[in-house]
């Protein structure tokens, strides 16, 4: 496959390269809290909604281009199970799907070699099962920590949970911020909290979950995004997936532009992870298009962009099978766990 993804307005049949060489990315080391910058962040809701609405309303990619964009989306999925009835066996099945997310015959028909998902995301208790199932694959293991999803357990326990997850084998930690710091405008407290969580992660990369559906306004989303990046977050993430409102395009646009502003200021690239409610292949393409247009092709790699999803992969595989065979398969044929 020969090119990077083109704009979604294009409908040519030239296939798209889905495996880009990994780039050694300097890790975000953070910076001192700049309250002037944080408080200057504003959000024009009507303009943001208008811009976000224009992405999905355009002509979508077709045929080989669509297949290539969907394959890229697969490589950026944090394949996730965060249920109260999770078992080691369920995690093993999830990891098997992460190792081989698309049927080999479909990949052969598409002219592709093997691909994997971007990571597997589980609760702390399920880390050992994931470590065993993914040994030797290089697929990252992400753990949700810090009193997920509410983040209201004692702070010392949240830090200890991070340390225990890293010791158990997690290479990425999805932490939840204290929403009260944002809602009360206590940016110093949020910065200090994020810094200590980042330190507890050590070499493991940290994704800061903002729980945007509970932050009250897009302006708060913009300010919280900046504070978490200043404190050293490697990724900023929309949601736990447990809120009543999860990832949306307007929220994504605000967070992505905060990432762009931070990069312009510091030259550190911070990743982005929309999570919760993204279950359709066409939505995945829309999010990839937003990333491409706002941040550029460099962010279209799993070390800088992830989907937090479980059922999204099922629909992508069905769409790819339709592209190859002209027929849609039954959804149960693509179960992830």
C-alpha atoms as a PDB file:
ATOM      1  CA  UNK A   1       0.000   0.000   0.000  1.00  0.00           C
ATOM      2  CA  UNK A   2       1.392   3.243  -1.111  1.00  0.00           C
ATOM      3  CA  UNK A   3       0.152   6.466   0.449  1.00  0.00           C
ATOM      4  CA  UNK A   4      -0.950   8.069   3.675  1.00  0.00           C
ATOM      5  CA  UNK A   5      -4.662   8.737   4.203  1.00  0.00           C
ATOM      6  CA  UNK A   6      -6.089  11.401   1.933  1.00  0.00           C
ATOM      7  CA  UNK A   7      -8.846  13.793   2.889  1.00  0.00           C
ATOM      8  CA  UNK A   8     -12.243  12.146   3.400  1.00  0.00           C
ATOM      9  CA  UNK A   9     -13.610  14.298   0.571  1.00  0.00           C
ATOM     10  CA  UNK A  10     -11.557  12.271  -1.904  1.00  0.00           C
ATOM     11  CA  UNK A  11     -13.100   9.089  -3.291  1.00  0.00           C
ATOM     12  CA  UNK A  12     -10.316   7.634  -5.423  1.00  0.00           C
ATOM     13  CA  UNK A  13      -9.512   3.946  -5.167  1.00  0.00           C
ATOM     14  CA  UNK A  14      -5.784   4.310  -4.448  1.00  0.00           C
ATOM     15  CA  UNK A  15      -5.137   2.155  -1.365  1.00  0.00           C
ATOM     16  CA  UNK A  16      -3.641   3.656   1.745  1.00  0.00           C
ATOM     17  CA  UNK A  17      -0.639   2.574   3.813  1.00  0.00           C
ATOM     18  CA  UNK A  18      -1.824   1.439   7.222  1.00  0.00           C
ATOM     19  CA  UNK A  19       1.553   0.671   8.794  1.00  0.00           C
ATOM     20  CA  UNK A  20       3.780   3.712   9.209  1.00  0.00           C
ATOM     21  CA  UNK A  21       7.261   3.403  10.687  1.00  0.00           C
ATOM     22  CA  UNK A  22       7.268   4.105  14.401  1.00  0.00           C
ATOM     23  CA  UNK A  23       8.814   7.425  15.296  1.00  0.00           C
ATOM     24  CA  UNK A  24      10.885   7.917  18.428  1.00  0.00           C
ATOM     25  CA  UNK A  25       8.645  10.470  20.124  1.00  0.00           C
ATOM     26  CA  UNK A  26      10.076  12.583  22.953  1.00  0.00           C
ATOM     27  CA  UNK A  27       7.860  12.047  25.980  1.00  0.00           C
ATOM     28  CA  UNK A  28       5.981  15.071  27.284  1.00  0.00           C
ATOM     29  CA  UNK A  29       7.910  16.245  30.332  1.00  0.00           C
ATOM     30  CA  UNK A  30       5.388  18.928  31.202  1.00  0.00           C
ATOM     31  CA  UNK A  31       6.025  22.530  32.180  1.00  0.00           C
ATOM     32  CA  UNK A  32       5.293  24.893  35.073  1.00  0.00           C
ATOM     33  CA  UNK A  33       1.621  25.707  35.478  1.00  0.00           C
ATOM     34  CA  UNK A  34       0.866  28.816  33.409  1.00  0.00           C
ATOM     35  CA  UNK A  35      -2.390  30.168  34.831  1.00  0.00           C
ATOM     36  CA  UNK A  36      -2.463  33.090  32.426  1.00  0.00           C
ATOM     37  CA  UNK A  37      -2.526  30.653  29.511  1.00  0.00           C
ATOM     38  CA  UNK A  38      -5.061  28.389  31.208  1.00  0.00           C
ATOM     39  CA  UNK A  39      -7.472  31.201  32.085  1.00  0.00           C
ATOM     40  CA  UNK A  40      -7.197  32.720  28.620  1.00  0.00           C
ATOM     41  CA  UNK A  41      -8.569  29.497  27.074  1.00  0.00           C
ATOM     42  CA  UNK A  42     -12.108  30.053  25.839  1.00  0.00           C
ATOM     43  CA  UNK A  43     -14.602  28.030  23.805  1.00  0.00           C
ATOM     44  CA  UNK A  44     -17.023  29.455  21.227  1.00  0.00           C
ATOM     45  CA  UNK A  45     -19.646  26.733  21.476  1.00  0.00           C
ATOM     46  CA  UNK A  46     -21.616  27.607  18.349  1.00  0.00           C
ATOM     47  CA  UNK A  47     -18.473  27.811  16.191  1.00  0.00           C
ATOM     48  CA  UNK A  48     -17.130  24.569  17.647  1.00  0.00           C
ATOM     49  CA  UNK A  49     -20.382  22.732  17.007  1.00  0.00           C
ATOM     50  CA  UNK A  50     -20.555  24.108  13.475  1.00  0.00           C
ATOM     51  CA  UNK A  51     -16.996  22.973  12.696  1.00  0.00           C
ATOM     52  CA  UNK A  52     -17.515  19.561  14.324  1.00  0.00           C
ATOM     53  CA  UNK A  53     -20.744  19.044  12.408  1.00  0.00           C
ATOM     54  CA  UNK A  54     -19.053  19.730   9.079  1.00  0.00           C
ATOM     55  CA  UNK A  55     -16.692  16.747   9.410  1.00  0.00           C
ATOM     56  CA  UNK A  56     -19.262  13.959   9.365  1.00  0.00           C
ATOM     57  CA  UNK A  57     -21.465  15.745   6.838  1.00  0.00           C
ATOM     58  CA  UNK A  58     -18.900  15.589   4.041  1.00  0.00           C
ATOM     59  CA  UNK A  59     -18.641  12.838   1.469  1.00  0.00           C
ATOM     60  CA  UNK A  60     -17.027   9.826   3.057  1.00  0.00           C
ATOM     61  CA  UNK A  61     -14.148   7.836   1.632  1.00  0.00           C
ATOM     62  CA  UNK A  62     -15.097   4.911  -0.569  1.00  0.00           C
ATOM     63  CA  UNK A  63     -13.836   1.501  -1.571  1.00  0.00           C
ATOM     64  CA  UNK A  64     -10.087   0.946  -1.108  1.00  0.00           C
ATOM     65  CA  UNK A  65      -9.635   4.277   0.660  1.00  0.00           C
ATOM     66  CA  UNK A  66     -12.361   3.379   3.145  1.00  0.00           C
ATOM     67  CA  UNK A  67     -10.824  -0.037   3.755  1.00  0.00           C
ATOM     68  CA  UNK A  68      -7.418   1.523   4.394  1.00  0.00           C
ATOM     69  CA  UNK A  69      -8.817   4.097   6.839  1.00  0.00           C
ATOM     70  CA  UNK A  70     -10.636   1.326   8.686  1.00  0.00           C
ATOM     71  CA  UNK A  71      -7.476  -0.771   8.920  1.00  0.00           C
ATOM     72  CA  UNK A  72      -5.690   2.246  10.355  1.00  0.00           C
ATOM     73  CA  UNK A  73      -8.508   2.618  12.895  1.00  0.00           C
ATOM     74  CA  UNK A  74      -8.012  -1.003  13.998  1.00  0.00           C
ATOM     75  CA  UNK A  75      -4.358  -0.339  14.818  1.00  0.00           C
ATOM     76  CA  UNK A  76      -5.458   2.579  17.026  1.00  0.00           C
ATOM     77  CA  UNK A  77      -8.035   0.731  19.141  1.00  0.00           C
ATOM     78  CA  UNK A  78      -7.538   0.170  22.849  1.00  0.00           C
ATOM     79  CA  UNK A  79      -9.535  -3.055  22.911  1.00  0.00           C
ATOM     80  CA  UNK A  80     -11.324  -2.790  26.225  1.00  0.00           C
ATOM     81  CA  UNK A  81     -13.230  -4.806  28.784  1.00  0.00           C
ATOM     82  CA  UNK A  82     -14.235  -2.972  31.957  1.00  0.00           C
ATOM     83  CA  UNK A  83     -17.135  -4.980  33.329  1.00  0.00           C
ATOM     84  CA  UNK A  84     -17.840  -6.091  36.842  1.00  0.00           C
ATOM     85  CA  UNK A  85     -18.082  -9.693  35.636  1.00  0.00           C
ATOM     86  CA  UNK A  86     -14.712  -9.734  33.856  1.00  0.00           C
ATOM     87  CA  UNK A  87     -12.818 -13.019  34.194  1.00  0.00           C
ATOM     88  CA  UNK A  88      -9.346 -14.163  33.215  1.00  0.00           C
ATOM     89  CA  UNK A  89     -10.880 -16.232  30.430  1.00  0.00           C
ATOM     90  CA  UNK A  90     -12.695 -13.216  28.996  1.00  0.00           C
ATOM     91  CA  UNK A  91      -9.461 -11.222  29.031  1.00  0.00           C
ATOM     92  CA  UNK A  92      -7.645 -14.084  27.287  1.00  0.00           C
ATOM     93  CA  UNK A  93     -10.258 -14.053  24.512  1.00  0.00           C
ATOM     94  CA  UNK A  94      -9.962 -10.278  24.239  1.00  0.00           C
ATOM     95  CA  UNK A  95      -6.183 -10.548  23.940  1.00  0.00           C
ATOM     96  CA  UNK A  96      -6.516 -13.200  21.243  1.00  0.00           C
ATOM     97  CA  UNK A  97      -8.671 -10.745  19.307  1.00  0.00           C
ATOM     98  CA  UNK A  98      -6.111  -7.984  19.874  1.00  0.00           C
ATOM     99  CA  UNK A  99      -3.377 -10.213  18.421  1.00  0.00           C
ATOM    100  CA  UNK A 100      -5.501 -11.020  15.357  1.00  0.00           C
ATOM    101  CA  UNK A 101      -8.236  -8.390  15.092  1.00  0.00           C
ATOM    102  CA  UNK A 102      -9.022  -9.027  11.412  1.00  0.00           C
ATOM    103  CA  UNK A 103      -9.466 -12.460   9.851  1.00  0.00           C
ATOM    104  CA  UNK A 104      -6.347 -13.534   7.926  1.00  0.00           C
ATOM    105  CA  UNK A 105      -8.303 -14.214   4.721  1.00  0.00           C
ATOM    106  CA  UNK A 106      -9.619 -10.637   4.752  1.00  0.00           C
ATOM    107  CA  UNK A 107      -6.125  -9.227   5.260  1.00  0.00           C
ATOM    108  CA  UNK A 108      -4.810 -11.359   2.391  1.00  0.00           C
ATOM    109  CA  UNK A 109      -7.604 -10.144   0.124  1.00  0.00           C
ATOM    110  CA  UNK A 110      -6.752  -6.560   1.084  1.00  0.00           C
ATOM    111  CA  UNK A 111      -3.043  -7.074   0.402  1.00  0.00           C
ATOM    112  CA  UNK A 112      -2.170  -6.616   4.066  1.00  0.00           C
ATOM    113  CA  UNK A 113       0.137  -8.424   6.441  1.00  0.00           C
ATOM    114  CA  UNK A 114      -0.739  -9.079  10.088  1.00  0.00           C
ATOM    115  CA  UNK A 115      -1.893  -6.157  12.230  1.00  0.00           C
ATOM    116  CA  UNK A 116      -2.783  -5.809  15.909  1.00  0.00           C
ATOM    117  CA  UNK A 117      -4.853  -3.398  17.945  1.00  0.00           C
ATOM    118  CA  UNK A 118      -3.113  -0.494  19.658  1.00  0.00           C
ATOM    119  CA  UNK A 119      -3.446  -1.934  23.178  1.00  0.00           C
ATOM    120  CA  UNK A 120      -5.644  -3.955  25.514  1.00  0.00           C
ATOM    121  CA  UNK A 121      -7.298  -2.056  28.383  1.00  0.00           C
ATOM    122  CA  UNK A 122      -8.431  -3.822  31.575  1.00  0.00           C
ATOM    123  CA  UNK A 123      -8.988  -3.372  35.292  1.00  0.00           C
ATOM    124  CA  UNK A 124      -6.002  -3.844  37.621  1.00  0.00           C
ATOM    125  CA  UNK A 125      -7.115  -7.330  38.694  1.00  0.00           C
ATOM    126  CA  UNK A 126      -7.022  -8.537  35.084  1.00  0.00           C
ATOM    127  CA  UNK A 127      -3.456  -7.372  34.326  1.00  0.00           C
ATOM    128  CA  UNK A 128      -1.810 -10.760  35.026  1.00  0.00           C
ATOM    129  CA  UNK A 129      -4.145 -12.532  32.602  1.00  0.00           C
ATOM    130  CA  UNK A 130      -3.396  -9.913  29.944  1.00  0.00           C
ATOM    131  CA  UNK A 131       0.363 -10.158  30.565  1.00  0.00           C
ATOM    132  CA  UNK A 132       0.271 -13.929  30.046  1.00  0.00           C
ATOM    133  CA  UNK A 133      -1.919 -13.718  26.952  1.00  0.00           C
ATOM    134  CA  UNK A 134       0.115 -10.971  25.262  1.00  0.00           C
ATOM    135  CA  UNK A 135       3.609 -12.122  26.190  1.00  0.00           C
ATOM    136  CA  UNK A 136       6.015 -11.587  23.299  1.00  0.00           C
ATOM    137  CA  UNK A 137       3.544  -9.650  21.143  1.00  0.00           C
ATOM    138  CA  UNK A 138       4.622  -6.105  21.992  1.00  0.00           C
ATOM    139  CA  UNK A 139       0.975  -5.088  22.419  1.00  0.00           C
ATOM    140  CA  UNK A 140       0.744  -2.564  25.294  1.00  0.00           C
ATOM    141  CA  UNK A 141      -1.376  -3.344  28.344  1.00  0.00           C
ATOM    142  CA  UNK A 142      -3.353  -0.384  29.668  1.00  0.00           C
ATOM    143  CA  UNK A 143      -4.908  -0.436  33.125  1.00  0.00           C
ATOM    144  CA  UNK A 144      -7.567   1.889  34.493  1.00  0.00           C
ATOM    145  CA  UNK A 145      -6.488   3.115  37.904  1.00  0.00           C
ATOM    146  CA  UNK A 146      -7.039   5.830  40.536  1.00  0.00           C
ATOM    147  CA  UNK A 147     -10.464   4.761  41.702  1.00  0.00           C
ATOM    148  CA  UNK A 148     -11.898   4.371  38.209  1.00  0.00           C
ATOM    149  CA  UNK A 149     -14.431   5.582  37.168  1.00  0.00           C
ATOM    150  CA  UNK A 150     -15.321   8.190  39.834  1.00  0.00           C
ATOM    151  CA  UNK A 151     -11.803   8.908  41.112  1.00  0.00           C
ATOM    152  CA  UNK A 152     -13.075   9.546  44.633  1.00  0.00           C
ATOM    153  CA  UNK A 153     -11.023   7.064  46.639  1.00  0.00           C
ATOM    154  CA  UNK A 154      -8.336   8.466  48.992  1.00  0.00           C
ATOM    155  CA  UNK A 155      -5.521  10.037  47.023  1.00  0.00           C
ATOM    156  CA  UNK A 156      -2.804   7.892  48.620  1.00  0.00           C
ATOM    157  CA  UNK A 157      -4.722   4.776  47.550  1.00  0.00           C
ATOM    158  CA  UNK A 158      -5.028   6.094  44.004  1.00  0.00           C
ATOM    159  CA  UNK A 159      -1.280   6.628  43.783  1.00  0.00           C
ATOM    160  CA  UNK A 160      -0.638   3.187  45.237  1.00  0.00           C
ATOM    161  CA  UNK A 161      -3.015   1.637  42.710  1.00  0.00           C
ATOM    162  CA  UNK A 162      -0.976   3.187  39.890  1.00  0.00           C
ATOM    163  CA  UNK A 163       2.246   1.793  41.336  1.00  0.00           C
ATOM    164  CA  UNK A 164       0.713  -1.662  41.759  1.00  0.00           C
ATOM    165  CA  UNK A 165      -0.599  -1.699  38.188  1.00  0.00           C
ATOM    166  CA  UNK A 166       2.808  -0.759  36.803  1.00  0.00           C
ATOM    167  CA  UNK A 167       4.464  -3.444  38.951  1.00  0.00           C
ATOM    168  CA  UNK A 168       1.937  -6.001  37.656  1.00  0.00           C
ATOM    169  CA  UNK A 169       2.923  -5.302  34.051  1.00  0.00           C
ATOM    170  CA  UNK A 170       0.812  -2.422  32.784  1.00  0.00           C
ATOM    171  CA  UNK A 171       2.738  -0.181  30.379  1.00  0.00           C
ATOM    172  CA  UNK A 172      -0.014   2.443  30.136  1.00  0.00           C
ATOM    173  CA  UNK A 173      -2.167   3.818  32.951  1.00  0.00           C
ATOM    174  CA  UNK A 174      -5.542   5.460  32.319  1.00  0.00           C
ATOM    175  CA  UNK A 175      -6.136   7.717  35.322  1.00  0.00           C
ATOM    176  CA  UNK A 176      -9.218   9.754  36.210  1.00  0.00           C
ATOM    177  CA  UNK A 177      -8.893  13.327  37.367  1.00  0.00           C
ATOM    178  CA  UNK A 178     -10.812  14.839  40.286  1.00  0.00           C
ATOM    179  CA  UNK A 179     -13.662  16.638  38.530  1.00  0.00           C
ATOM    180  CA  UNK A 180     -14.219  18.881  41.553  1.00  0.00           C
ATOM    181  CA  UNK A 181     -10.916  20.648  40.873  1.00  0.00           C
ATOM    182  CA  UNK A 182     -12.173  21.658  37.427  1.00  0.00           C
ATOM    183  CA  UNK A 183     -15.672  22.576  38.556  1.00  0.00           C
ATOM    184  CA  UNK A 184     -14.282  24.795  41.332  1.00  0.00           C
ATOM    185  CA  UNK A 185     -11.546  26.277  39.134  1.00  0.00           C
ATOM    186  CA  UNK A 186      -8.785  24.968  41.386  1.00  0.00           C
ATOM    187  CA  UNK A 187      -6.235  24.539  38.594  1.00  0.00           C
ATOM    188  CA  UNK A 188      -3.265  24.338  40.947  1.00  0.00           C
ATOM    189  CA  UNK A 189      -4.810  21.337  42.710  1.00  0.00           C
ATOM    190  CA  UNK A 190      -5.490  19.623  39.384  1.00  0.00           C
ATOM    191  CA  UNK A 191      -1.924  20.308  38.245  1.00  0.00           C
ATOM    192  CA  UNK A 192      -0.412  18.973  41.465  1.00  0.00           C
ATOM    193  CA  UNK A 193      -2.610  15.862  41.360  1.00  0.00           C
ATOM    194  CA  UNK A 194      -1.707  15.144  37.754  1.00  0.00           C
ATOM    195  CA  UNK A 195       2.006  15.653  38.414  1.00  0.00           C
ATOM    196  CA  UNK A 196       1.996  13.145  41.279  1.00  0.00           C
ATOM    197  CA  UNK A 197       0.083  10.602  39.222  1.00  0.00           C
ATOM    198  CA  UNK A 198       2.534  11.051  36.362  1.00  0.00           C
ATOM    199  CA  UNK A 199       5.424  10.462  38.765  1.00  0.00           C
ATOM    200  CA  UNK A 200       3.757   7.321  40.146  1.00  0.00           C
ATOM    201  CA  UNK A 201       3.517   5.917  36.608  1.00  0.00           C
ATOM    202  CA  UNK A 202       7.288   5.949  36.169  1.00  0.00           C
ATOM    203  CA  UNK A 203       8.093   4.699  32.667  1.00  0.00           C
ATOM    204  CA  UNK A 204       4.467   3.755  31.978  1.00  0.00           C
ATOM    205  CA  UNK A 205       2.647   6.290  29.855  1.00  0.00           C
ATOM    206  CA  UNK A 206      -0.283   8.047  31.465  1.00  0.00           C
ATOM    207  CA  UNK A 207      -3.625   8.878  29.863  1.00  0.00           C
ATOM    208  CA  UNK A 208      -5.550  11.537  31.770  1.00  0.00           C
ATOM    209  CA  UNK A 209      -9.305  10.915  31.616  1.00  0.00           C
ATOM    210  CA  UNK A 210     -11.140  14.223  31.867  1.00  0.00           C
ATOM    211  CA  UNK A 211     -14.696  12.802  32.080  1.00  0.00           C
ATOM    212  CA  UNK A 212     -15.752  15.676  29.826  1.00  0.00           C
ATOM    213  CA  UNK A 213     -19.463  14.938  30.207  1.00  0.00           C
ATOM    214  CA  UNK A 214     -19.163  15.984  33.861  1.00  0.00           C
ATOM    215  CA  UNK A 215     -17.051  19.145  33.468  1.00  0.00           C
ATOM    216  CA  UNK A 216     -19.907  21.554  32.820  1.00  0.00           C
ATOM    217  CA  UNK A 217     -18.651  23.454  29.751  1.00  0.00           C
ATOM    218  CA  UNK A 218     -16.359  23.264  26.746  1.00  0.00           C
ATOM    219  CA  UNK A 219     -14.285  26.040  28.291  1.00  0.00           C
ATOM    220  CA  UNK A 220     -13.618  23.821  31.291  1.00  0.00           C
ATOM    221  CA  UNK A 221     -12.639  21.008  28.909  1.00  0.00           C
ATOM    222  CA  UNK A 222     -10.112  23.292  27.198  1.00  0.00           C
ATOM    223  CA  UNK A 223      -8.610  24.455  30.494  1.00  0.00           C
ATOM    224  CA  UNK A 224      -8.455  20.979  32.032  1.00  0.00           C
ATOM    225  CA  UNK A 225      -6.761  19.684  28.871  1.00  0.00           C
ATOM    226  CA  UNK A 226      -4.038  22.321  29.114  1.00  0.00           C
ATOM    227  CA  UNK A 227      -3.453  21.774  32.838  1.00  0.00           C
ATOM    228  CA  UNK A 228      -3.107  17.997  32.441  1.00  0.00           C
ATOM    229  CA  UNK A 229      -0.626  18.423  29.592  1.00  0.00           C
ATOM    230  CA  UNK A 230       1.365  20.994  31.567  1.00  0.00           C
ATOM    231  CA  UNK A 231       1.572  18.417  34.370  1.00  0.00           C
ATOM    232  CA  UNK A 232       3.020  15.792  32.024  1.00  0.00           C
ATOM    233  CA  UNK A 233       0.118  13.743  30.643  1.00  0.00           C
ATOM    234  CA  UNK A 234       1.147  11.595  27.671  1.00  0.00           C
ATOM    235  CA  UNK A 235      -2.474  11.396  26.434  1.00  0.00           C
ATOM    236  CA  UNK A 236      -5.647  13.238  27.237  1.00  0.00           C
ATOM    237  CA  UNK A 237      -8.802  11.126  27.055  1.00  0.00           C
ATOM    238  CA  UNK A 238     -12.433  12.168  26.890  1.00  0.00           C
ATOM    239  CA  UNK A 239     -14.250   9.757  29.139  1.00  0.00           C
ATOM    240  CA  UNK A 240     -14.312   6.679  31.297  1.00  0.00           C
ATOM    241  CA  UNK A 241     -17.135   5.312  29.173  1.00  0.00           C
ATOM    242  CA  UNK A 242     -19.295   5.216  32.299  1.00  0.00           C
ATOM    243  CA  UNK A 243     -20.637   8.800  32.127  1.00  0.00           C
ATOM    244  CA  UNK A 244     -24.013   9.656  30.617  1.00  0.00           C
ATOM    245  CA  UNK A 245     -22.223  11.681  27.893  1.00  0.00           C
ATOM    246  CA  UNK A 246     -18.944  10.348  26.558  1.00  0.00           C
ATOM    247  CA  UNK A 247     -16.886  11.198  23.462  1.00  0.00           C
ATOM    248  CA  UNK A 248     -18.433  13.787  21.134  1.00  0.00           C
ATOM    249  CA  UNK A 249     -17.018  15.647  18.154  1.00  0.00           C
ATOM    250  CA  UNK A 250     -17.303  19.125  19.762  1.00  0.00           C
ATOM    251  CA  UNK A 251     -15.434  17.953  22.857  1.00  0.00           C
ATOM    252  CA  UNK A 252     -12.876  16.245  20.642  1.00  0.00           C
ATOM    253  CA  UNK A 253     -12.308  19.423  18.668  1.00  0.00           C
ATOM    254  CA  UNK A 254     -11.675  21.399  21.862  1.00  0.00           C
ATOM    255  CA  UNK A 255      -9.212  18.840  23.187  1.00  0.00           C
ATOM    256  CA  UNK A 256      -7.434  18.414  19.856  1.00  0.00           C
ATOM    257  CA  UNK A 257      -6.947  22.165  19.522  1.00  0.00           C
ATOM    258  CA  UNK A 258      -5.580  22.274  23.060  1.00  0.00           C
ATOM    259  CA  UNK A 259      -3.094  19.569  22.006  1.00  0.00           C
ATOM    260  CA  UNK A 260      -2.128  21.641  18.951  1.00  0.00           C
ATOM    261  CA  UNK A 261      -1.670  24.752  21.067  1.00  0.00           C
ATOM    262  CA  UNK A 262       0.461  22.843  23.558  1.00  0.00           C
ATOM    263  CA  UNK A 263       2.636  21.456  20.767  1.00  0.00           C
ATOM    264  CA  UNK A 264       3.096  24.924  19.272  1.00  0.00           C
ATOM    265  CA  UNK A 265       4.184  26.170  22.702  1.00  0.00           C
ATOM    266  CA  UNK A 266       6.395  23.285  23.854  1.00  0.00           C
ATOM    267  CA  UNK A 267       7.113  21.089  20.792  1.00  0.00           C
ATOM    268  CA  UNK A 268       5.868  18.057  22.745  1.00  0.00           C
ATOM    269  CA  UNK A 269       3.230  15.941  21.039  1.00  0.00           C
ATOM    270  CA  UNK A 270       0.499  14.703  23.371  1.00  0.00           C
ATOM    271  CA  UNK A 271      -1.813  11.896  22.310  1.00  0.00           C
ATOM    272  CA  UNK A 272      -5.600  11.920  22.153  1.00  0.00           C
ATOM    273  CA  UNK A 273      -8.092   9.185  23.052  1.00  0.00           C
ATOM    274  CA  UNK A 274     -11.846   9.509  22.495  1.00  0.00           C
ATOM    275  CA  UNK A 275     -13.673   6.849  24.506  1.00  0.00           C
ATOM    276  CA  UNK A 276     -17.236   5.761  25.065  1.00  0.00           C
ATOM    277  CA  UNK A 277     -20.009   5.473  22.516  1.00  0.00           C
ATOM    278  CA  UNK A 278     -17.826   5.001  19.412  1.00  0.00           C
ATOM    279  CA  UNK A 279     -19.135   1.753  17.963  1.00  0.00           C
ATOM    280  CA  UNK A 280     -19.589   2.338  14.218  1.00  0.00           C
ATOM    281  CA  UNK A 281     -16.951   2.176  11.499  1.00  0.00           C
ATOM    282  CA  UNK A 282     -18.186   5.406   9.916  1.00  0.00           C
ATOM    283  CA  UNK A 283     -17.691   7.216  13.232  1.00  0.00           C
ATOM    284  CA  UNK A 284     -14.106   5.952  13.419  1.00  0.00           C
ATOM    285  CA  UNK A 285     -13.394   7.425   9.982  1.00  0.00           C
ATOM    286  CA  UNK A 286     -14.907  10.740  11.076  1.00  0.00           C
ATOM    287  CA  UNK A 287     -12.630  10.904  14.117  1.00  0.00           C
ATOM    288  CA  UNK A 288      -9.583  10.013  12.018  1.00  0.00           C
ATOM    289  CA  UNK A 289     -10.529  12.759   9.573  1.00  0.00           C
ATOM    290  CA  UNK A 290     -10.793  15.261  12.416  1.00  0.00           C
ATOM    291  CA  UNK A 291      -7.341  14.288  13.663  1.00  0.00           C
ATOM    292  CA  UNK A 292      -5.841  14.542  10.172  1.00  0.00           C
ATOM    293  CA  UNK A 293      -7.313  17.957   9.469  1.00  0.00           C
ATOM    294  CA  UNK A 294      -6.577  19.496  12.889  1.00  0.00           C
ATOM    295  CA  UNK A 295      -3.270  17.838  13.848  1.00  0.00           C
ATOM    296  CA  UNK A 296      -1.899  16.234  10.689  1.00  0.00           C
ATOM    297  CA  UNK A 297      -0.779  12.794   9.608  1.00  0.00           C
ATOM    298  CA  UNK A 298       1.811  12.458  12.379  1.00  0.00           C
ATOM    299  CA  UNK A 299      -0.985  11.940  14.919  1.00  0.00           C
ATOM    300  CA  UNK A 300      -2.554   9.119  12.879  1.00  0.00           C
ATOM    301  CA  UNK A 301      -0.418   6.529  14.676  1.00  0.00           C
ATOM    302  CA  UNK A 302      -1.222   4.444  17.736  1.00  0.00           C
ATOM    303  CA  UNK A 303       1.413   6.135  19.894  1.00  0.00           C
ATOM    304  CA  UNK A 304      -0.534   9.408  19.515  1.00  0.00           C
ATOM    305  CA  UNK A 305      -4.127   8.384  18.832  1.00  0.00           C
ATOM    306  CA  UNK A 306      -6.362   5.683  20.315  1.00  0.00           C
ATOM    307  CA  UNK A 307     -10.017   4.770  20.354  1.00  0.00           C
ATOM    308  CA  UNK A 308     -11.324   3.501  23.677  1.00  0.00           C
ATOM    309  CA  UNK A 309     -13.726   0.878  22.381  1.00  0.00           C
ATOM    310  CA  UNK A 310     -14.959  -2.683  22.587  1.00  0.00           C
ATOM    311  CA  UNK A 311     -17.672  -3.100  19.936  1.00  0.00           C
ATOM    312  CA  UNK A 312     -16.089  -0.790  17.323  1.00  0.00           C
ATOM    313  CA  UNK A 313     -13.838  -3.568  16.039  1.00  0.00           C
ATOM    314  CA  UNK A 314     -16.844  -5.780  15.296  1.00  0.00           C
ATOM    315  CA  UNK A 315     -18.384  -3.226  12.940  1.00  0.00           C
ATOM    316  CA  UNK A 316     -15.069  -2.462  11.244  1.00  0.00           C
ATOM    317  CA  UNK A 317     -14.515  -6.143  10.474  1.00  0.00           C
ATOM    318  CA  UNK A 318     -18.039  -6.417   9.067  1.00  0.00           C
ATOM    319  CA  UNK A 319     -17.441  -3.405   6.826  1.00  0.00           C
ATOM    320  CA  UNK A 320     -14.143  -4.844   5.605  1.00  0.00           C
ATOM    321  CA  UNK A 321     -15.818  -8.163   4.823  1.00  0.00           C
ATOM    322  CA  UNK A 322     -18.456  -6.293   2.840  1.00  0.00           C
ATOM    323  CA  UNK A 323     -15.714  -4.465   0.940  1.00  0.00           C
ATOM    324  CA  UNK A 324     -14.040  -7.770   0.000  1.00  0.00           C
ATOM    325  CA  UNK A 325     -17.070 -10.020  -0.597  1.00  0.00           C
ATOM    326  CA  UNK A 326     -19.993  -7.674  -1.168  1.00  0.00           C
ATOM    327  CA  UNK A 327     -21.841  -9.281   1.743  1.00  0.00           C
ATOM    328  CA  UNK A 328     -22.306  -8.354   5.395  1.00  0.00           C
ATOM    329  CA  UNK A 329     -21.636 -11.101   7.917  1.00  0.00           C
ATOM    330  CA  UNK A 330     -23.632 -11.602  11.084  1.00  0.00           C
ATOM    331  CA  UNK A 331     -22.364  -9.568  14.015  1.00  0.00           C
ATOM    332  CA  UNK A 332     -21.952 -12.625  16.242  1.00  0.00           C
ATOM    333  CA  UNK A 333     -19.149 -13.861  13.950  1.00  0.00           C
ATOM    334  CA  UNK A 334     -16.929 -11.037  15.169  1.00  0.00           C
ATOM    335  CA  UNK A 335     -17.307 -11.256  18.931  1.00  0.00           C
ATOM    336  CA  UNK A 336     -14.374  -9.870  20.916  1.00  0.00           C
ATOM    337  CA  UNK A 337     -14.909 -11.695  24.213  1.00  0.00           C
END
